[in-house]
Amino acid sequence: MAVMSDAVASFKAQGKDVSVQFLSSDEQSLLAVQGPHAVSDLQKLCTKDLSRLYFMNSTTDTIAGVENCRITRCGYTGEDGVEISIPSNKAADIASALLEQKVGNLKLAGLGARDSLRLEAGLCLYGNDIDETTTPVEAGLLWLVAKQRRAENNFPGSDKINNQIKNGVTRRRVGFKMSAGSAPARQHVEIFDNEHHKIGEITSGCPSPCLQQNIAMGYIREESKKVGTEVTLKIRDKFYHSQVAKMPFVATHYYQPPK
């Protein structure tokens, strides 16, 4: 919010007409509808054709009689789906309408289910996998910074990021697949190399329902980031074998326009 407020002030100083309104959860709610049947089930309650709403595109529509719902083709699972921003006093009505369809595939899912999908897709959780001390270079998120912006070197943190692009970093975010019979690796679990030197720390981990094995992500020394590198994780005073793995762990299914 502070960054956006500063940006608004900067635009206004340039004579531009701009304003930002921050909405509280008392005013606005978010429904995430995810999975291969998410959009087809939502379509039954909408007036617009959602087949031309592609990944990261957004529109407004009436859903189950509720006007001005903001529908964005995105999510936090790696699956096709949408996130719907709606007035809080209508959230339960729309959720009920989606769940009560006679021919439908939607069910309620809790945070644990969502987080397992998030991790299988290799997506970061703020506060765990990224925070104010993490850079896009370290986190493998440099694709978020356009090449033109890097060249202009005028965005928040640009000096540090461009320096890391030029000179490298000491740590990288990578994925891990655990050996059979291992315990799940949670946040702050320490990572060791084969000579028992600490080389990193886990930031997220859980059992993968799709892969039927424990997976995790975390930060590891730059020289150990190669896929296939053998490491050891210390979980509750026991050591378990693991291996650096490519992310996403499970292929994503974002709804992209035809090429």
Protein backbone atom coordinates (compact mmCIF):
# COMPACT_ATOMS: atom_id res chain seq x y z
CA MET A 1 0.00 0.00 0.00
CA ALA A 2 2.84 2.36 0.82
CA VAL A 3 4.47 1.78 -2.59
CA MET A 4 1.16 2.42 -4.38
CA SER A 5 0.54 5.56 -2.35
CA ASP A 6 4.01 6.84 -3.29
CA ALA A 7 3.31 6.04 -6.95
CA VAL A 8 0.04 7.98 -6.84
CA ALA A 9 1.86 10.97 -5.36
CA SER A 10 4.51 10.74 -8.09
CA PHE A 11 1.87 10.64 -10.86
CA LYS A 12 0.05 13.61 -9.37
CA ALA A 13 3.30 15.56 -9.24
CA GLN A 14 3.55 14.99 -12.99
CA GLY A 15 0.11 16.53 -13.45
CA LYS A 16 -1.72 13.23 -14.01
CA ASP A 17 -5.23 12.57 -12.73
CA VAL A 18 -5.02 9.36 -10.70
CA SER A 19 -6.54 7.97 -7.53
CA VAL A 20 -6.48 4.65 -5.65
CA GLN A 21 -9.10 3.32 -3.25
CA PHE A 22 -8.10 0.55 -0.85
CA LEU A 23 -11.06 -1.72 -0.07
CA SER A 24 -11.32 -3.59 3.24
CA SER A 25 -12.57 -7.16 3.60
CA ASP A 26 -15.72 -5.72 5.14
CA GLU A 27 -16.51 -4.22 1.74
CA GLN A 28 -15.09 -6.68 -0.77
CA SER A 29 -14.53 -10.47 -0.78
CA LEU A 30 -12.71 -12.85 -3.08
CA LEU A 31 -13.98 -16.25 -4.24
CA ALA A 32 -11.48 -18.57 -5.92
CA VAL A 33 -13.04 -21.17 -8.24
CA GLN A 34 -10.33 -23.53 -9.47
CA GLY A 35 -10.00 -26.72 -11.48
CA PRO A 36 -10.79 -28.14 -14.94
CA HIS A 37 -14.56 -27.60 -14.55
CA ALA A 38 -14.39 -24.27 -12.72
CA VAL A 39 -15.16 -21.97 -15.63
CA SER A 40 -17.77 -24.23 -17.27
CA ASP A 41 -19.70 -24.34 -13.98
CA LEU A 42 -19.34 -20.59 -13.46
CA GLN A 43 -20.45 -19.94 -17.05
CA LYS A 44 -23.93 -21.23 -16.21
CA LEU A 45 -24.43 -18.29 -13.84
CA CYS A 46 -22.85 -15.57 -16.03
CA THR A 47 -24.14 -13.46 -18.91
CA LYS A 48 -20.81 -13.05 -20.77
CA ASP A 49 -19.00 -15.72 -22.79
CA LEU A 50 -15.99 -16.71 -20.68
CA SER A 51 -14.39 -18.86 -23.40
CA ARG A 52 -12.50 -15.79 -24.64
CA LEU A 53 -11.35 -14.78 -21.17
CA TYR A 54 -7.74 -16.02 -21.13
CA PHE A 55 -5.21 -16.40 -18.32
CA MET A 56 -4.61 -13.13 -16.44
CA ASN A 57 -7.39 -11.35 -18.35
CA SER A 58 -10.20 -9.72 -16.43
CA THR A 59 -13.78 -8.61 -16.99
CA THR A 60 -16.90 -7.58 -15.07
CA ASP A 61 -20.17 -9.46 -15.31
CA THR A 62 -23.40 -10.30 -13.54
CA ILE A 63 -23.20 -13.60 -11.61
CA ALA A 64 -26.38 -15.20 -10.27
CA GLY A 65 -28.07 -11.80 -10.45
CA VAL A 66 -25.26 -9.94 -8.67
CA GLU A 67 -23.99 -7.08 -10.84
CA ASN A 68 -20.46 -5.72 -11.29
CA CYS A 69 -18.56 -8.84 -10.25
CA ARG A 70 -14.90 -8.69 -11.22
CA ILE A 71 -13.82 -12.00 -12.80
CA THR A 72 -10.10 -12.61 -13.40
CA ARG A 73 -8.84 -15.79 -15.07
CA CYS A 74 -6.14 -16.63 -12.58
CA GLY A 75 -5.62 -18.44 -9.31
CA TYR A 76 -3.17 -19.78 -6.78
CA THR A 77 -3.25 -23.44 -7.77
CA GLY A 78 -1.65 -23.89 -11.20
CA GLU A 79 -5.04 -25.03 -12.52
CA ASP A 80 -7.45 -23.22 -14.81
CA GLY A 81 -9.92 -21.12 -12.88
CA VAL A 82 -10.98 -17.67 -11.81
CA GLU A 83 -10.88 -15.33 -8.85
CA ILE A 84 -14.08 -13.33 -8.35
CA SER A 85 -14.06 -10.00 -6.49
CA ILE A 86 -17.53 -9.25 -5.16
CA PRO A 87 -19.26 -7.15 -2.49
CA SER A 88 -18.88 -8.98 0.82
CA ASN A 89 -22.60 -8.98 1.51
CA LYS A 90 -23.15 -11.03 -1.70
CA ALA A 91 -20.28 -13.51 -1.31
CA ALA A 92 -22.32 -16.22 0.42
CA ASP A 93 -25.11 -15.91 -2.17
CA ILE A 94 -22.74 -16.46 -5.10
CA ALA A 95 -20.92 -19.31 -3.35
CA SER A 96 -24.25 -21.03 -2.66
CA ALA A 97 -25.39 -20.55 -6.26
CA LEU A 98 -22.18 -22.20 -7.52
CA LEU A 99 -22.44 -25.14 -5.12
CA GLU A 100 -26.16 -25.76 -5.56
CA GLN A 101 -26.18 -26.35 -9.32
CA LYS A 102 -27.96 -29.58 -10.22
CA VAL A 103 -25.25 -30.53 -12.71
CA GLY A 104 -22.01 -29.22 -11.25
CA ASN A 105 -18.56 -30.29 -10.13
CA LEU A 106 -17.72 -27.70 -7.49
CA LYS A 107 -17.00 -28.43 -3.84
CA LEU A 108 -15.65 -26.38 -0.96
CA ALA A 109 -11.91 -26.74 -0.33
CA GLY A 110 -9.86 -25.60 2.64
CA LEU A 111 -6.52 -23.84 2.90
CA GLY A 112 -4.57 -27.11 3.09
CA ALA A 113 -5.96 -28.32 -0.24
CA ARG A 114 -5.26 -24.98 -1.88
CA ASP A 115 -1.73 -24.85 -0.46
CA SER A 116 -0.81 -28.32 -1.73
CA LEU A 117 -1.81 -27.22 -5.24
CA ARG A 118 0.08 -23.96 -4.80
CA LEU A 119 3.24 -25.83 -3.91
CA GLU A 120 2.84 -28.44 -6.66
CA ALA A 121 2.68 -25.50 -9.10
CA GLY A 122 5.85 -23.99 -7.60
CA LEU A 123 4.11 -20.74 -6.61
CA CYS A 124 5.50 -18.53 -3.85
CA LEU A 125 3.71 -17.75 -0.60
CA TYR A 126 4.49 -14.27 0.69
CA GLY A 127 5.93 -14.46 4.19
CA ASN A 128 7.32 -17.95 3.53
CA ASP A 129 9.00 -18.12 0.13
CA ILE A 130 9.39 -14.38 -0.49
CA ASP A 131 9.43 -11.33 1.76
CA GLU A 132 10.94 -7.84 1.93
CA THR A 133 14.46 -9.33 2.02
CA THR A 134 14.04 -11.43 -1.15
CA THR A 135 14.82 -10.26 -4.66
CA PRO A 136 13.29 -11.52 -7.94
CA VAL A 137 16.72 -12.81 -8.96
CA GLU A 138 17.07 -15.00 -5.86
CA ALA A 139 13.47 -16.19 -6.07
CA GLY A 140 13.57 -17.10 -9.77
CA LEU A 141 11.00 -14.41 -10.53
CA LEU A 142 13.03 -12.15 -12.80
CA TRP A 143 10.46 -12.66 -15.57
CA LEU A 144 8.25 -10.28 -13.59
CA VAL A 145 10.65 -7.39 -14.29
CA ALA A 146 10.40 -6.30 -17.93
CA LYS A 147 13.69 -5.88 -19.81
CA GLN A 148 12.79 -2.27 -20.59
CA ARG A 149 12.37 -1.51 -16.88
CA ARG A 150 15.70 -3.14 -16.11
CA ALA A 151 17.33 -0.97 -18.77
CA GLU A 152 15.68 2.20 -17.44
CA ASN A 153 16.82 1.29 -13.90
CA ASN A 154 14.18 3.47 -12.24
CA PHE A 155 11.90 1.09 -10.30
CA PRO A 156 12.00 0.31 -6.55
CA GLY A 157 15.06 -1.85 -5.87
CA SER A 158 16.42 -1.48 -9.41
CA ASP A 159 20.03 -0.81 -8.36
CA LYS A 160 20.22 -3.98 -6.27
CA ILE A 161 18.39 -6.15 -8.81
CA ASN A 162 20.49 -4.99 -11.76
CA ASN A 163 23.63 -5.54 -9.72
CA GLN A 164 22.53 -9.11 -8.97
CA ILE A 165 21.76 -9.74 -12.65
CA LYS A 166 25.28 -8.60 -13.50
CA ASN A 167 27.22 -10.16 -10.62
CA GLY A 168 25.08 -13.07 -9.49
CA VAL A 169 23.58 -14.05 -6.13
CA THR A 170 24.59 -16.36 -3.30
CA ARG A 171 21.28 -18.22 -2.98
CA ARG A 172 18.44 -19.42 -5.20
CA ARG A 173 14.91 -20.68 -4.68
CA VAL A 174 14.64 -24.31 -5.82
CA GLY A 175 12.33 -27.29 -5.42
CA PHE A 176 12.99 -30.53 -3.56
CA LYS A 177 11.59 -34.05 -3.84
CA MET A 178 11.91 -36.13 -0.71
CA SER A 179 12.99 -39.76 -0.54
CA ALA A 180 10.39 -42.45 0.21
CA GLY A 181 9.48 -42.70 3.87
CA SER A 182 10.68 -39.21 4.76
CA ALA A 183 8.77 -36.81 6.97
CA PRO A 184 7.29 -33.65 5.38
CA ALA A 185 9.75 -30.76 5.36
CA ARG A 186 8.21 -27.58 6.75
CA GLN A 187 9.37 -23.97 6.94
CA HIS A 188 12.80 -23.41 8.56
CA VAL A 189 13.98 -27.01 8.07
CA GLU A 190 17.74 -26.83 7.46
CA ILE A 191 19.37 -28.12 4.26
CA PHE A 192 22.83 -29.77 4.29
CA ASP A 193 25.21 -30.95 1.58
CA ASN A 194 26.83 -34.38 1.54
CA GLU A 195 29.66 -33.08 3.72
CA HIS A 196 27.15 -31.94 6.38
CA HIS A 197 27.62 -28.22 5.71
CA LYS A 198 24.45 -26.16 6.03
CA ILE A 199 23.64 -24.75 2.59
CA GLY A 200 20.07 -23.50 2.90
CA GLU A 201 16.62 -23.60 4.46
CA ILE A 202 13.17 -24.84 3.47
CA THR A 203 10.45 -22.21 3.10
CA SER A 204 7.41 -24.36 2.18
CA GLY A 205 6.71 -28.07 2.16
CA CYS A 206 3.88 -30.60 2.16
CA PRO A 207 2.82 -34.03 0.91
CA SER A 208 1.92 -33.90 -2.79
CA PRO A 209 -1.41 -35.63 -3.52
CA CYS A 210 -0.60 -35.73 -7.25
CA LEU A 211 2.93 -37.14 -6.91
CA GLN A 212 2.28 -39.24 -3.80
CA GLN A 213 5.51 -38.02 -2.19
CA ASN A 214 6.68 -35.14 -0.04
CA ILE A 215 7.82 -32.00 -1.83
CA ALA A 216 9.25 -28.67 -0.71
CA MET A 217 10.86 -25.47 -1.86
CA GLY A 218 13.50 -23.34 -0.26
CA TYR A 219 16.70 -21.37 -0.74
CA ILE A 220 20.02 -23.05 -1.35
CA ARG A 221 23.54 -21.91 -2.14
CA GLU A 222 23.97 -20.87 -5.75
CA GLU A 223 26.56 -23.58 -6.44
CA SER A 224 24.14 -26.32 -5.28
CA LYS A 225 21.05 -25.30 -7.27
CA LYS A 226 21.45 -27.80 -10.14
CA VAL A 227 18.52 -30.18 -10.61
CA GLY A 228 19.46 -33.63 -9.32
CA THR A 229 21.83 -32.39 -6.61
CA GLU A 230 21.64 -34.67 -3.55
CA VAL A 231 21.03 -32.93 -0.23
CA THR A 232 20.00 -33.86 3.32
CA LEU A 233 17.22 -32.25 5.33
CA LYS A 234 17.20 -32.15 9.13
CA ILE A 235 13.63 -32.74 10.33
CA ARG A 236 13.03 -33.05 14.08
CA ASP A 237 16.64 -34.13 14.72
CA LYS A 238 16.56 -36.78 12.00
CA PHE A 239 18.22 -36.56 8.59
CA TYR A 240 16.40 -37.43 5.36
CA HIS A 241 17.70 -37.63 1.83
CA SER A 242 16.28 -35.26 -0.78
CA GLN A 243 17.08 -34.05 -4.27
CA VAL A 244 16.89 -30.67 -5.98
CA ALA A 245 13.94 -30.87 -8.39
CA LYS A 246 12.56 -28.83 -11.25
CA MET A 247 9.50 -26.67 -10.60
CA PRO A 248 6.62 -26.74 -11.16
CA PHE A 249 6.42 -30.23 -9.70
CA VAL A 250 3.12 -30.78 -11.55
CA ALA A 251 2.40 -29.28 -14.98
CA THR A 252 0.22 -26.16 -14.88
CA HIS A 253 -3.02 -25.82 -16.85
CA TYR A 254 -3.43 -22.09 -17.43
CA TYR A 255 -6.01 -21.18 -20.08
CA GLN A 256 -3.93 -19.58 -22.82
CA PRO A 257 -5.08 -18.12 -26.18
CA PRO A 258 -4.48 -20.32 -29.23
CA LYS A 259 -1.11 -19.77 -30.92
